[in-house]
Amino acid sequence: MSGHHISSAKFLWGVAIALFILTFITVAVTWIHIPSPWNVVVAIAIAVVKALIVSAFFMNLYWDSKFNVLLFVMSVAFFLLMIGITLLDTLYRTDPIPSF
């Protein structure tokens, strides 16, 4: 540990309000007309920003040692690698029964 960090209530309320605003924007994306693949991309990008805010400030990775941040980044990279390997297998598979 690199020491204790105590966040003020004002700071945590600011982060919570930012997360609420981003949640509202995510819901608003479903109401406005964005072409088909891009509405999902925008919603996932906002969700990634919210996840980064939560991991940085509520999980205190911003003030923690850089080794813990490295572990978090490597675990996300490993997860994306496993999803990518799975998609490589399933996207190019031929259907065993053509009627389905």
C-alpha atoms as a PDB file:
ATOM      1  CA  MET A   1       0.000   0.000   0.000  1.00  0.00           C
ATOM      2  CA  SER A   2       1.175   3.469  -0.749  1.00  0.00           C
ATOM      3  CA  GLY A   3      -0.561   4.972   2.266  1.00  0.00           C
ATOM      4  CA  HIS A   4      -4.099   5.727   3.236  1.00  0.00           C
ATOM      5  CA  HIS A   5      -6.157   8.235   1.351  1.00  0.00           C
ATOM      6  CA  ILE A   6      -9.410   9.550   2.731  1.00  0.00           C
ATOM      7  CA  SER A   7     -11.683  11.154   0.171  1.00  0.00           C
ATOM      8  CA  SER A   8     -13.889  14.001   1.221  1.00  0.00           C
ATOM      9  CA  ALA A   9     -17.647  13.658   1.091  1.00  0.00           C
ATOM     10  CA  LYS A  10     -17.802  16.539  -1.390  1.00  0.00           C
ATOM     11  CA  PHE A  11     -15.466  14.682  -3.755  1.00  0.00           C
ATOM     12  CA  LEU A  12     -17.410  11.418  -3.468  1.00  0.00           C
ATOM     13  CA  TRP A  13     -20.697  13.229  -4.079  1.00  0.00           C
ATOM     14  CA  GLY A  14     -19.144  14.801  -7.176  1.00  0.00           C
ATOM     15  CA  VAL A  15     -18.103  11.406  -8.475  1.00  0.00           C
ATOM     16  CA  ALA A  16     -21.571  10.007  -7.735  1.00  0.00           C
ATOM     17  CA  ILE A  17     -23.223  12.902  -9.574  1.00  0.00           C
ATOM     18  CA  ALA A  18     -20.890  12.350 -12.542  1.00  0.00           C
ATOM     19  CA  LEU A  19     -21.876   8.676 -12.594  1.00  0.00           C
ATOM     20  CA  PHE A  20     -25.560   9.628 -12.432  1.00  0.00           C
ATOM     21  CA  ILE A  21     -25.144  12.053 -15.341  1.00  0.00           C
ATOM     22  CA  LEU A  22     -23.350   9.418 -17.386  1.00  0.00           C
ATOM     23  CA  THR A  23     -26.143   6.947 -16.611  1.00  0.00           C
ATOM     24  CA  PHE A  24     -28.675   9.533 -17.796  1.00  0.00           C
ATOM     25  CA  ILE A  25     -26.662  10.022 -21.001  1.00  0.00           C
ATOM     26  CA  THR A  26     -26.597   6.249 -21.539  1.00  0.00           C
ATOM     27  CA  VAL A  27     -30.387   6.142 -21.288  1.00  0.00           C
ATOM     28  CA  ALA A  28     -30.667   9.187 -23.573  1.00  0.00           C
ATOM     29  CA  VAL A  29     -28.604   7.375 -26.220  1.00  0.00           C
ATOM     30  CA  THR A  30     -31.413   4.839 -26.562  1.00  0.00           C
ATOM     31  CA  TRP A  31     -33.948   7.593 -27.260  1.00  0.00           C
ATOM     32  CA  ILE A  32     -32.046   9.530 -29.903  1.00  0.00           C
ATOM     33  CA  HIS A  33     -31.567   8.072 -33.360  1.00  0.00           C
ATOM     34  CA  ILE A  34     -28.032   6.821 -33.888  1.00  0.00           C
ATOM     35  CA  PRO A  35     -27.389   4.332 -36.717  1.00  0.00           C
ATOM     36  CA  SER A  36     -27.573   0.698 -35.700  1.00  0.00           C
ATOM     37  CA  PRO A  37     -24.060  -0.430 -34.785  1.00  0.00           C
ATOM     38  CA  TRP A  38     -22.989   2.946 -33.404  1.00  0.00           C
ATOM     39  CA  ASN A  39     -25.654   3.224 -30.698  1.00  0.00           C
ATOM     40  CA  VAL A  40     -24.220   0.126 -29.028  1.00  0.00           C
ATOM     41  CA  VAL A  41     -20.672   1.437 -29.432  1.00  0.00           C
ATOM     42  CA  VAL A  42     -21.612   4.750 -27.789  1.00  0.00           C
ATOM     43  CA  ALA A  43     -23.436   3.015 -24.932  1.00  0.00           C
ATOM     44  CA  ILE A  44     -20.495   0.668 -24.290  1.00  0.00           C
ATOM     45  CA  ALA A  45     -18.025   3.569 -24.436  1.00  0.00           C
ATOM     46  CA  ILE A  46     -20.021   5.420 -21.777  1.00  0.00           C
ATOM     47  CA  ALA A  47     -20.171   2.235 -19.688  1.00  0.00           C
ATOM     48  CA  VAL A  48     -16.389   1.866 -19.949  1.00  0.00           C
ATOM     49  CA  VAL A  49     -15.922   5.460 -18.771  1.00  0.00           C
ATOM     50  CA  LYS A  50     -18.227   4.782 -15.824  1.00  0.00           C
ATOM     51  CA  ALA A  51     -16.312   1.597 -14.980  1.00  0.00           C
ATOM     52  CA  LEU A  52     -13.021   3.503 -15.070  1.00  0.00           C
ATOM     53  CA  ILE A  53     -14.428   6.178 -12.745  1.00  0.00           C
ATOM     54  CA  VAL A  54     -15.666   3.550 -10.299  1.00  0.00           C
ATOM     55  CA  SER A  55     -12.396   1.624 -10.343  1.00  0.00           C
ATOM     56  CA  ALA A  56     -10.269   4.760 -10.040  1.00  0.00           C
ATOM     57  CA  PHE A  57     -12.112   6.581  -7.280  1.00  0.00           C
ATOM     58  CA  PHE A  58     -14.425   4.199  -5.429  1.00  0.00           C
ATOM     59  CA  MET A  59     -11.882   1.358  -5.491  1.00  0.00           C
ATOM     60  CA  ASN A  60      -9.089   3.908  -4.768  1.00  0.00           C
ATOM     61  CA  LEU A  61      -6.869   2.736  -7.615  1.00  0.00           C
ATOM     62  CA  TYR A  62      -6.040   6.358  -8.404  1.00  0.00           C
ATOM     63  CA  TRP A  63      -4.225   6.778  -5.091  1.00  0.00           C
ATOM     64  CA  ASP A  64      -3.012   3.193  -4.683  1.00  0.00           C
ATOM     65  CA  SER A  65       0.340   1.800  -5.780  1.00  0.00           C
ATOM     66  CA  LYS A  66       0.954   1.485  -9.497  1.00  0.00           C
ATOM     67  CA  PHE A  67       1.407  -2.277  -9.112  1.00  0.00           C
ATOM     68  CA  ASN A  68      -2.283  -2.658  -8.236  1.00  0.00           C
ATOM     69  CA  VAL A  69      -3.226  -0.537 -11.247  1.00  0.00           C
ATOM     70  CA  LEU A  70      -1.012  -2.770 -13.383  1.00  0.00           C
ATOM     71  CA  LEU A  71      -2.765  -5.872 -12.006  1.00  0.00           C
ATOM     72  CA  PHE A  72      -6.151  -4.354 -12.827  1.00  0.00           C
ATOM     73  CA  VAL A  73      -5.108  -3.420 -16.379  1.00  0.00           C
ATOM     74  CA  MET A  74      -3.599  -6.869 -16.965  1.00  0.00           C
ATOM     75  CA  SER A  75      -6.761  -8.597 -15.733  1.00  0.00           C
ATOM     76  CA  VAL A  76      -8.893  -6.506 -18.117  1.00  0.00           C
ATOM     77  CA  ALA A  77      -6.474  -7.266 -20.969  1.00  0.00           C
ATOM     78  CA  PHE A  78      -6.605 -10.990 -20.153  1.00  0.00           C
ATOM     79  CA  PHE A  79     -10.418 -10.873 -20.126  1.00  0.00           C
ATOM     80  CA  LEU A  80     -10.499  -9.133 -23.519  1.00  0.00           C
ATOM     81  CA  LEU A  81      -8.003 -11.643 -24.898  1.00  0.00           C
ATOM     82  CA  MET A  82     -10.176 -14.568 -23.795  1.00  0.00           C
ATOM     83  CA  ILE A  83     -13.280 -12.946 -25.316  1.00  0.00           C
ATOM     84  CA  GLY A  84     -11.353 -12.306 -28.538  1.00  0.00           C
ATOM     85  CA  ILE A  85     -10.156 -15.894 -28.774  1.00  0.00           C
ATOM     86  CA  THR A  86     -13.709 -17.122 -28.208  1.00  0.00           C
ATOM     87  CA  LEU A  87     -15.062 -14.810 -30.903  1.00  0.00           C
ATOM     88  CA  LEU A  88     -12.421 -16.020 -33.355  1.00  0.00           C
ATOM     89  CA  ASP A  89     -13.787 -19.516 -32.880  1.00  0.00           C
ATOM     90  CA  THR A  90     -17.507 -18.722 -32.963  1.00  0.00           C
ATOM     91  CA  LEU A  91     -17.607 -16.092 -35.717  1.00  0.00           C
ATOM     92  CA  TYR A  92     -16.113 -18.346 -38.380  1.00  0.00           C
ATOM     93  CA  ARG A  93     -17.818 -21.604 -37.478  1.00  0.00           C
ATOM     94  CA  THR A  94     -20.095 -23.285 -40.026  1.00  0.00           C
ATOM     95  CA  ASP A  95     -23.553 -24.268 -38.904  1.00  0.00           C
ATOM     96  CA  PRO A  96     -23.878 -28.033 -38.342  1.00  0.00           C
ATOM     97  CA  ILE A  97     -27.557 -27.893 -39.296  1.00  0.00           C
ATOM     98  CA  PRO A  98     -28.145 -25.348 -42.087  1.00  0.00           C
ATOM     99  CA  SER A  99     -31.848 -24.930 -41.300  1.00  0.00           C
ATOM    100  CA  PHE A 100     -31.107 -23.151 -38.019  1.00  0.00           C
END
